[in-house]
Amino acid sequence: MGATIDADGRFSGYASLFGQLDQGGDIVMPGAFAETLRRRAPARVRLLFQHDPKEPIGLWDEIVEDARGLRVSGRLLDVVPRAAHLKSLIAQGALDGLSIGFRAVRATRDRGTGHRRLWAVDLWEISIVTFPMMEAARIASAPDGHEARLAATLGAAARMFS
């Protein structure tokens, strides 16, 4: 298993997955984020803790739709005290949830199930959370190329204490 966060606080994962029912009864459809991503650079989508607008903790470097869902890569900022704590929690596997904050632009509701299909959303923020509404929306790894740096950092720290 690859590292979930590197020494610089970089991580990646999926903030939303297409076609999956979340705990709120929503199903995000492929292409739902296309307009937001065309209009808004990743750094303009806020990286928050627990959806709290008073808790910005970093920046998104990349937010893209792929065949699976909304793939994100971001970094926690060490100058933010909460971010330093989160880096440790993520590295130890104690925290890994991701969740989106949005406004539905175009949605339909299934009359039989009551589930809402989100065809277009205005994405405001993506948060690191304890309990994601979509169970599979998780931090998965450090972005490509950062695992080697993390391994070197951890190896150097291990040598210092051995």
Protein backbone atom coordinates (compact mmCIF):
# COMPACT_ATOMS: atom_id res chain seq x y z
CA MET A 1 0.00 0.00 0.00
CA GLY A 2 1.35 3.44 -0.91
CA ALA A 3 1.68 6.26 1.57
CA THR A 4 -1.47 8.32 2.06
CA ILE A 5 0.38 11.61 2.59
CA ASP A 6 3.95 12.66 1.93
CA ALA A 7 6.35 14.67 4.07
CA ASP A 8 5.24 17.90 2.35
CA GLY A 9 1.58 17.26 3.19
CA ARG A 10 0.59 16.21 -0.34
CA PHE A 11 -2.18 13.64 -0.80
CA SER A 12 -4.68 12.47 -3.38
CA GLY A 13 -7.89 10.50 -3.58
CA TYR A 14 -11.49 10.66 -4.73
CA ALA A 15 -13.82 13.30 -3.33
CA SER A 16 -16.82 11.79 -5.14
CA LEU A 17 -17.53 8.66 -7.17
CA PHE A 18 -19.93 8.51 -10.06
CA GLY A 19 -23.04 6.36 -9.91
CA GLN A 20 -22.75 5.57 -6.20
CA LEU A 21 -25.48 6.32 -3.69
CA ASP A 22 -24.31 8.42 -0.74
CA GLN A 23 -25.84 8.44 2.74
CA GLY A 24 -27.89 11.52 1.87
CA GLY A 25 -29.62 9.81 -1.05
CA ASP A 26 -27.62 11.55 -3.79
CA ILE A 27 -26.00 9.93 -6.83
CA VAL A 28 -23.44 12.07 -8.68
CA MET A 29 -23.52 11.49 -12.43
CA PRO A 30 -20.53 11.63 -14.81
CA GLY A 31 -19.95 15.17 -16.03
CA ALA A 32 -21.63 16.78 -13.01
CA PHE A 33 -18.51 18.81 -12.19
CA ALA A 34 -17.56 19.77 -15.77
CA GLU A 35 -18.87 23.34 -15.73
CA THR A 36 -17.44 24.16 -12.30
CA LEU A 37 -14.05 22.77 -13.28
CA ARG A 38 -14.11 24.78 -16.50
CA ARG A 39 -14.87 28.02 -14.61
CA ARG A 40 -12.95 27.55 -11.38
CA ALA A 41 -9.27 26.72 -10.93
CA PRO A 42 -8.48 24.05 -8.29
CA ALA A 43 -7.00 26.64 -5.91
CA ARG A 44 -10.38 28.46 -5.96
CA VAL A 45 -12.15 25.39 -4.60
CA ARG A 46 -11.52 25.56 -0.87
CA LEU A 47 -9.79 22.79 1.06
CA LEU A 48 -11.49 22.77 4.46
CA PHE A 49 -11.68 20.62 7.58
CA GLN A 50 -15.15 19.21 8.34
CA HIS A 51 -16.85 21.68 5.91
CA ASP A 52 -16.07 24.55 8.30
CA PRO A 53 -15.44 27.81 6.39
CA LYS A 54 -13.35 29.00 9.36
CA GLU A 55 -11.02 25.99 8.91
CA PRO A 56 -9.11 26.32 5.61
CA ILE A 57 -6.21 23.86 5.85
CA GLY A 58 -4.55 23.79 2.45
CA LEU A 59 -4.88 24.08 -1.31
CA TRP A 60 -6.08 21.83 -4.09
CA ASP A 61 -3.47 21.40 -6.81
CA GLU A 62 -5.59 19.26 -9.14
CA ILE A 63 -9.28 18.47 -9.39
CA VAL A 64 -10.37 16.41 -12.39
CA GLU A 65 -13.20 14.20 -13.47
CA ASP A 66 -12.11 10.79 -14.71
CA ALA A 67 -14.10 7.66 -15.50
CA ARG A 68 -14.41 6.81 -11.79
CA GLY A 69 -15.28 10.18 -10.25
CA LEU A 70 -13.79 13.41 -8.95
CA ARG A 71 -10.06 12.77 -8.46
CA VAL A 72 -8.23 15.32 -6.35
CA SER A 73 -4.67 16.11 -5.32
CA GLY A 74 -3.95 18.66 -2.65
CA ARG A 75 -1.56 19.73 0.05
CA LEU A 76 -1.91 20.72 3.65
CA LEU A 77 -0.15 23.95 4.61
CA ASP A 78 2.28 23.60 7.53
CA VAL A 79 1.67 27.21 8.55
CA VAL A 80 -1.85 26.20 9.59
CA PRO A 81 -1.70 24.51 13.01
CA ARG A 82 -4.73 22.28 12.29
CA ALA A 83 -3.09 21.10 9.04
CA ALA A 84 0.01 19.91 10.88
CA HIS A 85 -2.18 17.81 13.17
CA LEU A 86 -4.18 16.46 10.24
CA LYS A 87 -1.00 15.42 8.45
CA SER A 88 -0.13 13.17 11.39
CA LEU A 89 -3.65 11.75 11.63
CA ILE A 90 -3.73 10.96 7.90
CA ALA A 91 -0.24 9.42 7.96
CA GLN A 92 -1.29 7.13 10.83
CA GLY A 93 -4.54 6.12 9.08
CA ALA A 94 -6.76 7.76 11.69
CA LEU A 95 -8.41 10.13 9.18
CA ASP A 96 -9.04 9.63 5.47
CA GLY A 97 -12.52 10.84 4.51
CA LEU A 98 -13.26 13.36 1.76
CA SER A 99 -16.55 15.18 1.21
CA ILE A 100 -17.80 17.78 -1.24
CA GLY A 101 -19.63 21.03 -0.50
CA PHE A 102 -21.77 22.09 -3.45
CA ARG A 103 -24.98 23.60 -4.77
CA ALA A 104 -27.09 21.43 -7.05
CA VAL A 105 -27.50 23.14 -10.43
CA ARG A 106 -29.39 20.38 -12.23
CA ALA A 107 -30.84 17.33 -10.48
CA THR A 108 -33.64 14.83 -10.94
CA ARG A 109 -35.40 12.75 -8.30
CA ASP A 110 -36.34 9.10 -8.77
CA ARG A 111 -40.01 8.85 -7.79
CA GLY A 112 -39.68 5.24 -6.69
CA THR A 113 -36.62 5.51 -4.46
CA GLY A 114 -36.51 9.24 -3.73
CA HIS A 115 -32.83 9.27 -4.68
CA ARG A 116 -31.56 12.44 -6.29
CA ARG A 117 -29.34 12.23 -9.38
CA LEU A 118 -26.96 15.18 -9.62
CA TRP A 119 -26.32 16.06 -13.27
CA ALA A 120 -24.61 19.43 -12.66
CA VAL A 121 -23.23 20.88 -9.44
CA ASP A 122 -21.47 24.08 -8.44
CA LEU A 123 -18.51 22.81 -6.39
CA TRP A 124 -17.55 25.22 -3.58
CA GLU A 125 -15.26 23.19 -1.38
CA ILE A 126 -13.86 19.75 -0.64
CA SER A 127 -13.21 18.84 2.97
CA ILE A 128 -11.19 16.31 4.85
CA VAL A 129 -13.77 14.74 7.15
CA THR A 130 -14.09 12.05 9.77
CA PHE A 131 -17.28 10.56 8.29
CA PRO A 132 -17.80 11.09 4.53
CA MET A 133 -21.35 11.00 3.15
CA MET A 134 -20.01 8.77 0.37
CA GLU A 135 -18.26 5.87 2.06
CA ALA A 136 -15.77 5.36 -0.78
CA ALA A 137 -14.72 9.06 -0.96
CA ARG A 138 -11.30 8.70 0.63
CA ILE A 139 -7.72 9.87 0.62
CA ALA A 140 -5.98 7.08 -1.24
CA SER A 141 -2.34 7.98 -1.66
CA ALA A 142 0.36 10.58 -1.87
CA PRO A 143 0.50 11.96 -5.44
CA ASP A 144 2.80 10.14 -7.87
CA GLY A 145 6.46 10.87 -7.33
CA HIS A 146 6.03 11.83 -3.69
CA GLU A 147 6.12 8.29 -2.27
CA ALA A 148 9.87 8.05 -2.85
CA ARG A 149 10.47 11.33 -1.01
CA LEU A 150 8.28 10.12 1.86
CA ALA A 151 10.12 6.80 2.05
CA ALA A 152 13.45 8.64 2.14
CA THR A 153 12.22 10.97 4.89
CA LEU A 154 10.83 8.10 6.96
CA GLY A 155 14.01 6.09 6.40
CA ALA A 156 16.19 8.98 7.57
CA ALA A 157 14.00 9.44 10.66
CA ALA A 158 14.17 5.72 11.45
CA ARG A 159 17.97 5.80 11.21
CA MET A 160 18.10 8.76 13.60
CA PHE A 161 16.20 6.81 16.25
CA SER A 162 17.84 3.41 15.81
